[in-house]
């Protein structure tokens, strides 16, 4: 059963009004679909999500990661598994892939400090 709700932006894209039934019973799939619908509403709001991570944020420990070639746009699709949101995908243009590789290498395998001569 789909979670039925109504949403509107009565005062513009700064806030959303959501009407739900008093009690909702949902399966995991129905709840995931509802979360996706809420994410679509958030995407239509202002201010937009910041282009860079800021402040504090939830971290999915030991997150699954997948890299898939993007034959349509070039570059790659980067997928990260979040235990509550499922797989979240981002398209990385081919021009940005070398910078991503460099950044991952830099943060995962930091260069050891130079040897100090005594």
Protein backbone atom coordinates (compact mmCIF):
# COMPACT_ATOMS: atom_id res chain seq x y z
CA UNK A 1 0.00 0.00 0.00
CA UNK A 2 1.40 3.38 -1.00
CA UNK A 3 1.73 6.07 1.67
CA UNK A 4 -0.82 8.69 0.63
CA UNK A 5 -0.01 12.32 1.37
CA UNK A 6 -0.54 15.77 -0.01
CA UNK A 7 2.13 18.45 -0.19
CA UNK A 8 2.01 22.09 -1.18
CA UNK A 9 4.15 25.21 -1.02
CA UNK A 10 1.55 27.77 0.16
CA UNK A 11 4.16 30.39 1.08
CA UNK A 12 6.66 29.68 -1.69
CA UNK A 13 9.61 27.27 -1.89
CA UNK A 14 10.94 28.14 1.57
CA UNK A 15 8.52 25.81 3.37
CA UNK A 16 6.31 22.86 2.52
CA UNK A 17 3.00 21.81 4.06
CA UNK A 18 2.53 18.03 4.20
CA UNK A 19 -0.81 16.41 5.07
CA UNK A 20 -0.66 12.79 6.24
CA UNK A 21 -3.24 10.48 7.74
CA UNK A 22 -3.05 10.31 11.56
CA UNK A 23 -1.54 6.80 11.45
CA UNK A 24 0.55 5.29 8.68
CA UNK A 25 1.62 1.66 8.49
CA UNK A 26 4.28 1.02 5.88
CA UNK A 27 6.56 -1.72 4.61
CA UNK A 28 10.24 -1.02 4.02
CA UNK A 29 9.57 -0.49 0.31
CA UNK A 30 6.68 1.89 0.97
CA UNK A 31 8.75 3.87 3.43
CA UNK A 32 11.61 4.08 0.90
CA UNK A 33 9.19 5.41 -1.72
CA UNK A 34 7.93 8.00 0.81
CA UNK A 35 11.50 9.07 1.60
CA UNK A 36 12.14 9.45 -2.14
CA UNK A 37 9.01 11.61 -2.45
CA UNK A 38 10.16 13.78 0.45
CA UNK A 39 13.61 14.11 -1.16
CA UNK A 40 11.93 15.30 -4.38
CA UNK A 41 10.05 17.94 -2.36
CA UNK A 42 13.30 19.05 -0.70
CA UNK A 43 14.93 19.38 -4.12
CA UNK A 44 12.25 21.94 -5.07
CA UNK A 45 12.89 24.09 -1.99
CA UNK A 46 15.18 27.01 -1.23
CA UNK A 47 17.75 27.40 -0.01
CA UNK A 48 19.16 24.60 -2.14
CA UNK A 49 21.31 21.94 -0.51
CA UNK A 50 24.81 23.36 -0.08
CA UNK A 51 27.24 22.34 -2.85
CA UNK A 52 29.86 21.37 -0.25
CA UNK A 53 29.34 19.47 3.01
CA UNK A 54 28.97 21.88 5.93
CA UNK A 55 28.39 21.59 9.66
CA UNK A 56 27.73 18.22 11.23
CA UNK A 57 26.28 15.32 9.31
CA UNK A 58 25.27 11.72 9.71
CA UNK A 59 27.88 9.20 8.57
CA UNK A 60 27.09 5.70 7.38
CA UNK A 61 29.95 3.68 8.90
CA UNK A 62 31.66 1.18 6.62
CA UNK A 63 29.40 2.24 3.75
CA UNK A 64 29.25 0.10 0.65
CA UNK A 65 30.61 1.85 -2.42
CA UNK A 66 30.25 0.99 -6.09
CA UNK A 67 31.68 2.66 -9.17
CA UNK A 68 29.86 2.07 -12.44
CA UNK A 69 30.96 3.35 -15.85
CA UNK A 70 28.50 5.88 -17.29
CA UNK A 71 28.17 4.97 -20.96
CA UNK A 72 25.51 7.65 -21.54
CA UNK A 73 27.28 10.76 -20.17
CA UNK A 74 30.87 9.55 -19.85
CA UNK A 75 32.62 9.52 -16.51
CA UNK A 76 31.31 7.27 -13.77
CA UNK A 77 28.35 6.73 -11.51
CA UNK A 78 29.43 6.71 -7.88
CA UNK A 79 27.07 4.85 -5.53
CA UNK A 80 27.23 4.91 -1.73
CA UNK A 81 25.05 2.63 0.39
CA UNK A 82 23.36 4.27 3.35
CA UNK A 83 21.53 1.90 5.74
CA UNK A 84 18.43 4.12 5.83
CA UNK A 85 18.40 5.78 2.41
CA UNK A 86 19.62 2.80 0.39
CA UNK A 87 21.94 3.38 -2.56
CA UNK A 88 22.52 7.05 -3.34
CA UNK A 89 23.98 7.70 -6.79
CA UNK A 90 25.95 10.60 -8.18
CA UNK A 91 27.19 11.10 -11.74
CA UNK A 92 30.82 12.21 -11.88
CA UNK A 93 31.74 13.77 -15.25
CA UNK A 94 34.83 12.35 -16.95
CA UNK A 95 36.73 15.62 -16.42
CA UNK A 96 36.23 15.31 -12.63
CA UNK A 97 37.29 11.66 -12.30
CA UNK A 98 41.07 12.36 -12.01
CA UNK A 99 40.42 14.85 -9.19
CA UNK A 100 38.19 12.31 -7.42
CA UNK A 101 40.88 9.64 -7.70
CA UNK A 102 43.51 12.06 -6.40
CA UNK A 103 41.31 13.13 -3.50
CA UNK A 104 40.48 9.56 -2.52
CA UNK A 105 44.15 8.58 -2.68
CA UNK A 106 45.21 11.64 -0.70
CA UNK A 107 42.71 11.02 2.11
CA UNK A 108 42.92 7.23 2.22
CA UNK A 109 46.67 6.90 1.73
CA UNK A 110 48.27 10.06 3.12
CA UNK A 111 51.86 10.68 2.19
CA UNK A 112 54.13 9.80 5.11
CA UNK A 113 56.12 12.71 6.51
CA UNK A 114 59.67 13.01 5.17
CA UNK A 115 62.38 11.28 7.12
CA UNK A 116 64.17 13.56 9.58
CA UNK A 117 67.97 13.46 9.52
CA UNK A 118 69.61 13.56 12.93
